[in-house]
Amino acid sequence: MNCGRTRISQPKPKHQGNIREGSRVRKATEGLGKPQVLSFDERTMKKARRRQWSEPRVCSRRYLRVDFADIGWSEWVLAPKSFDAYYCAGTCGFPIPKVVRPSNHATIQSIVRAVGIVPGVPEPCCVPEKLSPLSVLFLDPNRNMVLKVYPGMSVDTCACR
């Protein structure tokens, strides 16, 4: 039993195209079941890269390294000199993929927005879900060395909320 899910089968193509494999062209039906290595010309790759960066990506953790000297804190922060903070960015549009662990509220909000029942409802937000602490060795105002653990300094995972 498939719990009410409908199985949709794709129609078989009438025309079997060619696949470029390295410098050799072969029929798409040849060697099915074997791993295929596809290669594309530079123009196609540039277009794909451009499209990849121009289209919004789904909510995910992105890399961000913070150097304390860059934000003017190197005078009092002794260690670490920098750390990986990360940040969350991306779309949380309908349908929200399970991989971004949406809250029930975010799921309902995305449906309401997609259906357009209430105008002006924003898309759910991509935000940090789990954060890690950072131990920081610094000088207090009296020039004493202090080791303090600051919670929530580095993003571990992101989610749609």
C-alpha atoms as a PDB file:
ATOM      1  CA  MET A   1       0.000   0.000   0.000  1.00  0.00           C
ATOM      2  CA  ASN A   2       1.382   3.412  -0.885  1.00  0.00           C
ATOM      3  CA  CYS A   3      -0.561   5.547   1.681  1.00  0.00           C
ATOM      4  CA  GLY A   4      -2.542   7.484  -0.897  1.00  0.00           C
ATOM      5  CA  ARG A   5       0.445   8.501  -2.994  1.00  0.00           C
ATOM      6  CA  THR A   6       0.009   8.396  -6.730  1.00  0.00           C
ATOM      7  CA  ARG A   7       2.807   6.879  -8.727  1.00  0.00           C
ATOM      8  CA  ILE A   8       3.533   8.760 -11.914  1.00  0.00           C
ATOM      9  CA  SER A   9       5.520   6.994 -14.576  1.00  0.00           C
ATOM     10  CA  GLN A  10       7.452   8.894 -17.185  1.00  0.00           C
ATOM     11  CA  PRO A  11       6.606   8.096 -20.809  1.00  0.00           C
ATOM     12  CA  LYS A  12       9.421   6.505 -22.730  1.00  0.00           C
ATOM     13  CA  PRO A  13      11.045   8.923 -25.166  1.00  0.00           C
ATOM     14  CA  LYS A  14      10.265   8.335 -28.827  1.00  0.00           C
ATOM     15  CA  HIS A  15      13.694   9.533 -29.907  1.00  0.00           C
ATOM     16  CA  GLN A  16      16.840   8.200 -28.312  1.00  0.00           C
ATOM     17  CA  GLY A  17      19.333  11.070 -28.237  1.00  0.00           C
ATOM     18  CA  ASN A  18      23.076  10.996 -28.287  1.00  0.00           C
ATOM     19  CA  ILE A  19      25.282  11.484 -25.246  1.00  0.00           C
ATOM     20  CA  ARG A  20      28.680  13.119 -25.550  1.00  0.00           C
ATOM     21  CA  GLU A  21      31.145  11.113 -23.517  1.00  0.00           C
ATOM     22  CA  GLY A  22      34.572  12.663 -23.601  1.00  0.00           C
ATOM     23  CA  SER A  23      35.293  13.128 -27.287  1.00  0.00           C
ATOM     24  CA  ARG A  24      33.167  10.146 -28.292  1.00  0.00           C
ATOM     25  CA  VAL A  25      29.447  10.280 -29.081  1.00  0.00           C
ATOM     26  CA  ARG A  26      27.313   7.236 -28.447  1.00  0.00           C
ATOM     27  CA  LYS A  27      23.633   6.310 -28.377  1.00  0.00           C
ATOM     28  CA  ALA A  28      21.892   7.045 -25.058  1.00  0.00           C
ATOM     29  CA  THR A  29      20.688   3.443 -24.829  1.00  0.00           C
ATOM     30  CA  GLU A  30      24.173   1.915 -25.100  1.00  0.00           C
ATOM     31  CA  GLY A  31      25.685   0.535 -21.902  1.00  0.00           C
ATOM     32  CA  LEU A  32      22.777   1.236 -19.577  1.00  0.00           C
ATOM     33  CA  GLY A  33      23.589   0.347 -15.993  1.00  0.00           C
ATOM     34  CA  LYS A  34      27.211   1.454 -16.375  1.00  0.00           C
ATOM     35  CA  PRO A  35      28.357   4.730 -14.829  1.00  0.00           C
ATOM     36  CA  GLN A  36      28.429   7.451 -17.461  1.00  0.00           C
ATOM     37  CA  VAL A  37      30.833  10.354 -17.487  1.00  0.00           C
ATOM     38  CA  LEU A  38      29.436  13.365 -19.244  1.00  0.00           C
ATOM     39  CA  SER A  39      31.526  16.298 -20.356  1.00  0.00           C
ATOM     40  CA  PHE A  40      30.347  19.661 -21.584  1.00  0.00           C
ATOM     41  CA  ASP A  41      31.970  22.429 -23.575  1.00  0.00           C
ATOM     42  CA  GLU A  42      33.193  25.548 -21.727  1.00  0.00           C
ATOM     43  CA  ARG A  43      30.310  27.725 -22.980  1.00  0.00           C
ATOM     44  CA  THR A  44      27.737  25.334 -21.514  1.00  0.00           C
ATOM     45  CA  MET A  45      29.632  25.135 -18.220  1.00  0.00           C
ATOM     46  CA  LYS A  46      29.831  28.952 -17.943  1.00  0.00           C
ATOM     47  CA  LYS A  47      26.095  29.229 -18.579  1.00  0.00           C
ATOM     48  CA  ALA A  48      25.356  26.575 -15.937  1.00  0.00           C
ATOM     49  CA  ARG A  49      27.609  28.286 -13.383  1.00  0.00           C
ATOM     50  CA  ARG A  50      26.012  31.673 -14.084  1.00  0.00           C
ATOM     51  CA  ARG A  51      22.539  30.199 -13.686  1.00  0.00           C
ATOM     52  CA  GLN A  52      23.533  28.382 -10.502  1.00  0.00           C
ATOM     53  CA  TRP A  53      24.599  31.621  -8.834  1.00  0.00           C
ATOM     54  CA  SER A  54      21.756  33.739 -10.200  1.00  0.00           C
ATOM     55  CA  GLU A  55      18.997  31.424  -8.986  1.00  0.00           C
ATOM     56  CA  PRO A  56      18.097  31.438  -5.300  1.00  0.00           C
ATOM     57  CA  ARG A  57      19.361  28.383  -3.478  1.00  0.00           C
ATOM     58  CA  VAL A  58      17.519  26.473  -0.783  1.00  0.00           C
ATOM     59  CA  CYS A  59      18.166  27.364   2.850  1.00  0.00           C
ATOM     60  CA  SER A  60      21.595  26.151   3.950  1.00  0.00           C
ATOM     61  CA  ARG A  61      24.667  26.988   6.012  1.00  0.00           C
ATOM     62  CA  ARG A  62      27.190  29.210   4.239  1.00  0.00           C
ATOM     63  CA  TYR A  63      30.820  29.794   5.086  1.00  0.00           C
ATOM     64  CA  LEU A  64      31.835  32.883   7.045  1.00  0.00           C
ATOM     65  CA  ARG A  65      35.209  33.311   8.730  1.00  0.00           C
ATOM     66  CA  VAL A  66      35.392  36.160  11.235  1.00  0.00           C
ATOM     67  CA  ASP A  67      38.785  37.712  11.950  1.00  0.00           C
ATOM     68  CA  PHE A  68      38.696  39.776  15.147  1.00  0.00           C
ATOM     69  CA  ALA A  69      41.180  42.266  13.674  1.00  0.00           C
ATOM     70  CA  ASP A  70      38.757  42.965  10.802  1.00  0.00           C
ATOM     71  CA  ILE A  71      36.011  44.016  13.224  1.00  0.00           C
ATOM     72  CA  GLY A  72      38.321  46.023  15.501  1.00  0.00           C
ATOM     73  CA  TRP A  73      38.430  43.586  18.417  1.00  0.00           C
ATOM     74  CA  SER A  74      42.054  42.422  18.183  1.00  0.00           C
ATOM     75  CA  GLU A  75      43.129  44.800  20.985  1.00  0.00           C
ATOM     76  CA  TRP A  76      41.179  42.933  23.628  1.00  0.00           C
ATOM     77  CA  VAL A  77      40.555  39.446  22.117  1.00  0.00           C
ATOM     78  CA  LEU A  78      43.752  37.440  22.573  1.00  0.00           C
ATOM     79  CA  ALA A  79      42.589  34.075  21.240  1.00  0.00           C
ATOM     80  CA  PRO A  80      41.359  32.863  18.908  1.00  0.00           C
ATOM     81  CA  LYS A  81      42.448  35.395  16.290  1.00  0.00           C
ATOM     82  CA  SER A  82      39.580  34.246  14.050  1.00  0.00           C
ATOM     83  CA  PHE A  83      36.822  31.632  13.954  1.00  0.00           C
ATOM     84  CA  ASP A  84      34.351  30.008  11.564  1.00  0.00           C
ATOM     85  CA  ALA A  85      31.007  31.657  12.345  1.00  0.00           C
ATOM     86  CA  TYR A  86      29.015  30.523   9.273  1.00  0.00           C
ATOM     87  CA  TYR A  87      25.605  32.001   8.466  1.00  0.00           C
ATOM     88  CA  CYS A  88      22.266  30.859   7.059  1.00  0.00           C
ATOM     89  CA  ALA A  89      20.848  31.965   3.732  1.00  0.00           C
ATOM     90  CA  GLY A  90      18.574  30.691   1.020  1.00  0.00           C
ATOM     91  CA  THR A  91      14.949  30.235   0.149  1.00  0.00           C
ATOM     92  CA  CYS A  92      12.197  28.596   2.182  1.00  0.00           C
ATOM     93  CA  GLY A  93       9.534  28.623  -0.525  1.00  0.00           C
ATOM     94  CA  PHE A  94       6.687  26.196  -1.072  1.00  0.00           C
ATOM     95  CA  PRO A  95       7.080  23.273  -1.015  1.00  0.00           C
ATOM     96  CA  ILE A  96       9.704  23.423   1.725  1.00  0.00           C
ATOM     97  CA  PRO A  97      12.108  20.468   1.401  1.00  0.00           C
ATOM     98  CA  LYS A  98      12.366  18.197   4.445  1.00  0.00           C
ATOM     99  CA  VAL A  99      16.150  18.641   4.386  1.00  0.00           C
ATOM    100  CA  VAL A 100      15.741  22.163   5.829  1.00  0.00           C
ATOM    101  CA  ARG A 101      13.722  20.822   8.777  1.00  0.00           C
ATOM    102  CA  PRO A 102      10.847  23.326   8.603  1.00  0.00           C
ATOM    103  CA  SER A 103       8.723  23.962  11.672  1.00  0.00           C
ATOM    104  CA  ASN A 104       5.011  23.215  11.356  1.00  0.00           C
ATOM    105  CA  HIS A 105       4.412  26.967  11.393  1.00  0.00           C
ATOM    106  CA  ALA A 106       6.865  27.530   8.515  1.00  0.00           C
ATOM    107  CA  THR A 107       5.129  24.811   6.492  1.00  0.00           C
ATOM    108  CA  ILE A 108       1.697  26.375   7.012  1.00  0.00           C
ATOM    109  CA  GLN A 109       3.052  29.878   6.310  1.00  0.00           C
ATOM    110  CA  SER A 110       4.597  28.711   3.025  1.00  0.00           C
ATOM    111  CA  ILE A 111       1.282  27.128   1.963  1.00  0.00           C
ATOM    112  CA  VAL A 112      -0.695  30.280   2.844  1.00  0.00           C
ATOM    113  CA  ARG A 113       1.810  32.363   0.871  1.00  0.00           C
ATOM    114  CA  ALA A 114       1.740  30.023  -2.149  1.00  0.00           C
ATOM    115  CA  VAL A 115      -2.056  29.895  -2.267  1.00  0.00           C
ATOM    116  CA  GLY A 116      -2.285  33.660  -1.817  1.00  0.00           C
ATOM    117  CA  ILE A 117      -5.124  33.574   0.741  1.00  0.00           C
ATOM    118  CA  VAL A 118      -3.692  36.467   2.735  1.00  0.00           C
ATOM    119  CA  PRO A 119      -1.758  39.075   0.755  1.00  0.00           C
ATOM    120  CA  GLY A 120       1.630  40.176   2.042  1.00  0.00           C
ATOM    121  CA  VAL A 121       2.531  37.001   3.954  1.00  0.00           C
ATOM    122  CA  PRO A 122       6.310  36.646   3.647  1.00  0.00           C
ATOM    123  CA  GLU A 123       8.221  33.474   2.889  1.00  0.00           C
ATOM    124  CA  PRO A 124       9.494  31.668   6.009  1.00  0.00           C
ATOM    125  CA  CYS A 125      13.049  32.638   6.973  1.00  0.00           C
ATOM    126  CA  CYS A 126      16.266  30.650   6.776  1.00  0.00           C
ATOM    127  CA  VAL A 127      17.764  30.911  10.265  1.00  0.00           C
ATOM    128  CA  PRO A 128      20.312  29.143  12.493  1.00  0.00           C
ATOM    129  CA  GLU A 129      18.825  26.053  14.114  1.00  0.00           C
ATOM    130  CA  LYS A 130      21.789  24.789  16.123  1.00  0.00           C
ATOM    131  CA  LEU A 131      24.740  26.871  17.256  1.00  0.00           C
ATOM    132  CA  SER A 132      28.030  26.017  18.946  1.00  0.00           C
ATOM    133  CA  PRO A 133      29.806  27.970  21.657  1.00  0.00           C
ATOM    134  CA  LEU A 134      33.215  29.607  21.288  1.00  0.00           C
ATOM    135  CA  SER A 135      35.863  29.863  24.003  1.00  0.00           C
ATOM    136  CA  VAL A 136      37.466  33.307  23.939  1.00  0.00           C
ATOM    137  CA  LEU A 137      40.539  34.481  25.834  1.00  0.00           C
ATOM    138  CA  PHE A 138      40.365  38.247  26.293  1.00  0.00           C
ATOM    139  CA  LEU A 139      41.473  41.178  28.420  1.00  0.00           C
ATOM    140  CA  ASP A 140      38.809  42.709  30.660  1.00  0.00           C
ATOM    141  CA  PRO A 141      38.703  46.499  31.325  1.00  0.00           C
ATOM    142  CA  ASN A 142      41.180  46.012  34.223  1.00  0.00           C
ATOM    143  CA  ARG A 143      43.611  44.243  31.835  1.00  0.00           C
ATOM    144  CA  ASN A 144      43.005  40.828  33.487  1.00  0.00           C
ATOM    145  CA  MET A 145      43.077  37.779  31.230  1.00  0.00           C
ATOM    146  CA  VAL A 146      39.680  36.072  31.150  1.00  0.00           C
ATOM    147  CA  LEU A 147      38.633  32.827  29.469  1.00  0.00           C
ATOM    148  CA  LYS A 148      34.930  32.858  28.698  1.00  0.00           C
ATOM    149  CA  VAL A 149      32.701  30.500  26.747  1.00  0.00           C
ATOM    150  CA  TYR A 150      30.249  32.458  24.592  1.00  0.00           C
ATOM    151  CA  PRO A 151      27.188  30.420  23.568  1.00  0.00           C
ATOM    152  CA  GLY A 152      25.711  30.590  20.084  1.00  0.00           C
ATOM    153  CA  MET A 153      28.777  31.814  18.207  1.00  0.00           C
ATOM    154  CA  SER A 154      29.027  29.364  15.302  1.00  0.00           C
ATOM    155  CA  VAL A 155      26.157  28.042  13.154  1.00  0.00           C
ATOM    156  CA  ASP A 156      25.982  24.239  12.972  1.00  0.00           C
ATOM    157  CA  THR A 157      22.701  23.832  11.095  1.00  0.00           C
ATOM    158  CA  CYS A 158      20.068  26.008   9.442  1.00  0.00           C
ATOM    159  CA  ALA A 159      16.310  25.562   9.171  1.00  0.00           C
ATOM    160  CA  CYS A 160      13.230  27.287   7.799  1.00  0.00           C
ATOM    161  CA  ARG A 161      11.177  29.044  10.473  1.00  0.00           C
END
